[in-house]
N, C-alpha and C. Protein backbone atom coordinates (compact mmCIF):
# COMPACT_ATOMS: atom_id res chain seq x y z
N UNK A 1 -115.20 -109.24 115.68
CA UNK A 1 -115.63 -110.32 114.83
C UNK A 1 -114.62 -110.47 113.70
N UNK A 2 -114.28 -111.71 113.39
CA UNK A 2 -113.31 -111.99 112.33
C UNK A 2 -113.97 -111.94 110.96
N UNK A 3 -113.17 -111.62 109.98
CA UNK A 3 -113.61 -111.65 108.58
C UNK A 3 -112.80 -112.71 107.87
N UNK A 4 -113.49 -113.59 107.15
CA UNK A 4 -112.82 -114.67 106.41
C UNK A 4 -113.06 -114.50 104.93
N UNK A 5 -112.12 -114.97 104.13
CA UNK A 5 -112.26 -114.94 102.68
C UNK A 5 -112.44 -116.37 102.20
N UNK A 6 -113.44 -116.57 101.35
CA UNK A 6 -113.69 -117.89 100.77
C UNK A 6 -113.41 -117.80 99.28
N UNK A 7 -112.55 -118.69 98.79
CA UNK A 7 -112.26 -118.70 97.36
C UNK A 7 -113.07 -119.80 96.70
N UNK A 8 -113.80 -119.42 95.66
CA UNK A 8 -114.56 -120.38 94.87
C UNK A 8 -114.72 -119.82 93.47
N UNK A 9 -115.08 -120.68 92.56
CA UNK A 9 -115.26 -120.23 91.19
C UNK A 9 -116.44 -119.26 91.12
N UNK A 10 -116.51 -118.51 90.03
CA UNK A 10 -117.63 -117.58 89.86
C UNK A 10 -118.95 -118.34 89.84
N UNK A 11 -118.96 -119.50 89.20
CA UNK A 11 -120.18 -120.30 89.14
C UNK A 11 -120.61 -120.79 90.51
N UNK A 12 -119.66 -121.28 91.29
CA UNK A 12 -119.96 -121.74 92.65
C UNK A 12 -120.48 -120.59 93.50
N UNK A 13 -119.85 -119.43 93.38
CA UNK A 13 -120.27 -118.27 94.15
C UNK A 13 -121.69 -117.85 93.79
N UNK A 14 -122.01 -117.89 92.53
CA UNK A 14 -123.35 -117.51 92.08
C UNK A 14 -124.40 -118.47 92.64
N UNK A 15 -124.11 -119.77 92.58
CA UNK A 15 -125.05 -120.76 93.11
C UNK A 15 -125.23 -120.56 94.61
N UNK A 16 -124.13 -120.37 95.32
CA UNK A 16 -124.21 -120.18 96.78
C UNK A 16 -124.99 -118.91 97.14
N UNK A 17 -124.74 -117.83 96.42
CA UNK A 17 -125.46 -116.58 96.69
C UNK A 17 -126.95 -116.72 96.40
N UNK A 18 -127.28 -117.39 95.31
CA UNK A 18 -128.69 -117.59 94.97
C UNK A 18 -129.39 -118.49 96.00
N UNK A 19 -128.69 -119.52 96.45
CA UNK A 19 -129.27 -120.41 97.44
C UNK A 19 -129.49 -119.67 98.76
N UNK A 20 -128.52 -118.87 99.16
CA UNK A 20 -128.67 -118.07 100.39
C UNK A 20 -129.88 -117.15 100.27
N UNK A 21 -130.02 -116.50 99.14
CA UNK A 21 -131.15 -115.60 98.92
C UNK A 21 -132.47 -116.39 98.94
N UNK A 22 -132.48 -117.56 98.35
CA UNK A 22 -133.66 -118.41 98.35
C UNK A 22 -134.11 -118.72 99.78
N UNK A 23 -133.13 -118.92 100.67
CA UNK A 23 -133.43 -119.19 102.08
C UNK A 23 -133.67 -117.91 102.88
N UNK A 24 -133.60 -116.77 102.23
CA UNK A 24 -133.83 -115.50 102.92
C UNK A 24 -132.68 -115.07 103.81
N UNK A 25 -131.47 -115.47 103.44
CA UNK A 25 -130.29 -115.17 104.24
C UNK A 25 -129.26 -114.43 103.40
N UNK A 26 -128.39 -113.73 104.08
CA UNK A 26 -127.24 -113.15 103.38
C UNK A 26 -126.25 -114.29 103.12
N UNK A 27 -125.34 -114.05 102.20
CA UNK A 27 -124.32 -115.07 101.94
C UNK A 27 -123.52 -115.34 103.21
N UNK A 28 -123.23 -114.29 103.96
CA UNK A 28 -122.45 -114.44 105.18
C UNK A 28 -123.19 -115.32 106.20
N UNK A 29 -124.48 -115.10 106.37
CA UNK A 29 -125.28 -115.93 107.28
C UNK A 29 -125.28 -117.39 106.81
N UNK A 30 -125.50 -117.56 105.51
CA UNK A 30 -125.54 -118.90 104.94
C UNK A 30 -124.21 -119.62 105.14
N UNK A 31 -123.10 -118.96 104.85
CA UNK A 31 -121.78 -119.57 104.99
C UNK A 31 -121.48 -119.90 106.45
N UNK A 32 -121.77 -118.97 107.34
CA UNK A 32 -121.52 -119.18 108.77
C UNK A 32 -122.31 -120.38 109.28
N UNK A 33 -123.61 -120.43 108.97
CA UNK A 33 -124.46 -121.53 109.42
C UNK A 33 -124.01 -122.86 108.82
N UNK A 34 -123.63 -122.84 107.56
CA UNK A 34 -123.18 -124.07 106.90
C UNK A 34 -121.91 -124.62 107.54
N UNK A 35 -120.98 -123.74 107.84
CA UNK A 35 -119.73 -124.15 108.48
C UNK A 35 -120.02 -124.73 109.87
N UNK A 36 -120.84 -124.04 110.65
CA UNK A 36 -121.14 -124.52 112.00
C UNK A 36 -121.92 -125.83 111.97
N UNK A 37 -122.82 -126.01 111.02
CA UNK A 37 -123.56 -127.27 110.90
C UNK A 37 -122.61 -128.41 110.56
N UNK A 38 -121.64 -128.16 109.72
CA UNK A 38 -120.65 -129.20 109.36
C UNK A 38 -119.85 -129.62 110.58
N UNK A 39 -119.46 -128.66 111.40
CA UNK A 39 -118.71 -128.96 112.63
C UNK A 39 -119.60 -129.75 113.59
N UNK A 40 -120.85 -129.33 113.75
CA UNK A 40 -121.79 -130.03 114.64
C UNK A 40 -122.01 -131.47 114.16
N UNK A 41 -122.14 -131.66 112.86
CA UNK A 41 -122.31 -133.02 112.31
C UNK A 41 -121.10 -133.89 112.64
N UNK A 42 -119.92 -133.34 112.50
CA UNK A 42 -118.70 -134.07 112.82
C UNK A 42 -118.67 -134.47 114.29
N UNK A 43 -119.01 -133.53 115.15
CA UNK A 43 -119.01 -133.82 116.59
C UNK A 43 -120.09 -134.84 116.94
N UNK A 44 -121.24 -134.78 116.27
CA UNK A 44 -122.30 -135.77 116.49
C UNK A 44 -121.82 -137.17 116.13
N UNK A 45 -121.09 -137.29 115.03
CA UNK A 45 -120.58 -138.60 114.62
C UNK A 45 -119.57 -139.11 115.65
N UNK A 46 -118.74 -138.23 116.17
CA UNK A 46 -117.78 -138.64 117.20
C UNK A 46 -118.51 -139.15 118.44
N UNK A 47 -119.56 -138.45 118.85
CA UNK A 47 -120.34 -138.88 120.02
C UNK A 47 -121.01 -140.23 119.75
N UNK A 48 -121.53 -140.42 118.55
CA UNK A 48 -122.15 -141.69 118.20
C UNK A 48 -121.13 -142.83 118.26
N UNK A 49 -119.96 -142.60 117.69
CA UNK A 49 -118.93 -143.63 117.70
C UNK A 49 -118.53 -143.98 119.14
N UNK A 50 -118.45 -142.97 120.00
CA UNK A 50 -118.12 -143.20 121.41
C UNK A 50 -119.22 -144.01 122.08
N UNK A 51 -120.48 -143.66 121.82
CA UNK A 51 -121.61 -144.38 122.42
C UNK A 51 -121.64 -145.83 121.95
N UNK A 52 -121.37 -146.06 120.68
CA UNK A 52 -121.34 -147.43 120.15
C UNK A 52 -120.23 -148.22 120.83
N UNK A 53 -119.07 -147.61 121.00
CA UNK A 53 -117.93 -148.31 121.61
C UNK A 53 -118.22 -148.66 123.07
N UNK A 54 -119.00 -147.81 123.75
CA UNK A 54 -119.29 -148.03 125.17
C UNK A 54 -120.58 -148.82 125.40
N UNK A 55 -121.29 -149.15 124.34
CA UNK A 55 -122.57 -149.85 124.46
C UNK A 55 -122.37 -151.23 125.05
N UNK A 56 -123.11 -151.54 126.12
CA UNK A 56 -123.00 -152.85 126.75
C UNK A 56 -124.06 -153.83 126.24
N UNK A 57 -124.90 -153.38 125.33
CA UNK A 57 -125.89 -154.25 124.72
C UNK A 57 -127.18 -154.41 125.51
N UNK A 58 -127.25 -153.84 126.70
CA UNK A 58 -128.45 -153.97 127.53
C UNK A 58 -129.54 -153.07 126.96
N UNK A 59 -130.74 -153.64 126.80
CA UNK A 59 -131.88 -152.88 126.29
C UNK A 59 -133.05 -153.06 127.25
N UNK A 60 -133.92 -152.06 127.30
CA UNK A 60 -135.09 -152.10 128.16
C UNK A 60 -136.33 -151.84 127.32
N UNK A 61 -137.41 -152.51 127.65
CA UNK A 61 -138.67 -152.25 126.96
C UNK A 61 -139.28 -150.98 127.52
N UNK A 62 -140.24 -150.43 126.81
CA UNK A 62 -140.94 -149.24 127.29
C UNK A 62 -141.63 -149.53 128.61
N UNK A 63 -142.22 -150.70 128.74
CA UNK A 63 -142.89 -151.07 129.98
C UNK A 63 -141.90 -151.13 131.15
N UNK A 64 -140.71 -151.64 130.90
CA UNK A 64 -139.69 -151.70 131.96
C UNK A 64 -139.28 -150.30 132.39
N UNK A 65 -139.12 -149.41 131.46
CA UNK A 65 -138.74 -148.03 131.77
C UNK A 65 -139.86 -147.35 132.56
N UNK A 66 -141.10 -147.52 132.13
CA UNK A 66 -142.24 -146.94 132.85
C UNK A 66 -142.31 -147.47 134.27
N UNK A 67 -142.09 -148.76 134.42
CA UNK A 67 -142.15 -149.37 135.74
C UNK A 67 -141.05 -148.79 136.63
N UNK A 68 -139.85 -148.66 136.09
CA UNK A 68 -138.73 -148.11 136.85
C UNK A 68 -139.01 -146.66 137.29
N UNK A 69 -139.72 -145.94 136.45
CA UNK A 69 -140.05 -144.53 136.75
C UNK A 69 -141.32 -144.40 137.57
N UNK A 70 -141.99 -145.51 137.82
CA UNK A 70 -143.21 -145.48 138.61
C UNK A 70 -144.40 -144.94 137.83
N UNK A 71 -144.40 -145.13 136.55
CA UNK A 71 -145.49 -144.63 135.71
C UNK A 71 -146.50 -145.70 135.39
């Protein structure tokens, strides 16, 4: 497992540590989860942009979908 160093002011570090503790997490858990969530958010936006670009504008009502599924 890799070890990373994060540089921040003493004030920022204190706020981050207190927030991690408030959530019942270690600072390391909090930092790791925050970094991964940021990456996931970025990838979600990329997928959304791709879906918008490929959207053909066709929409179906709930009744049409149910009928197609035989419900």
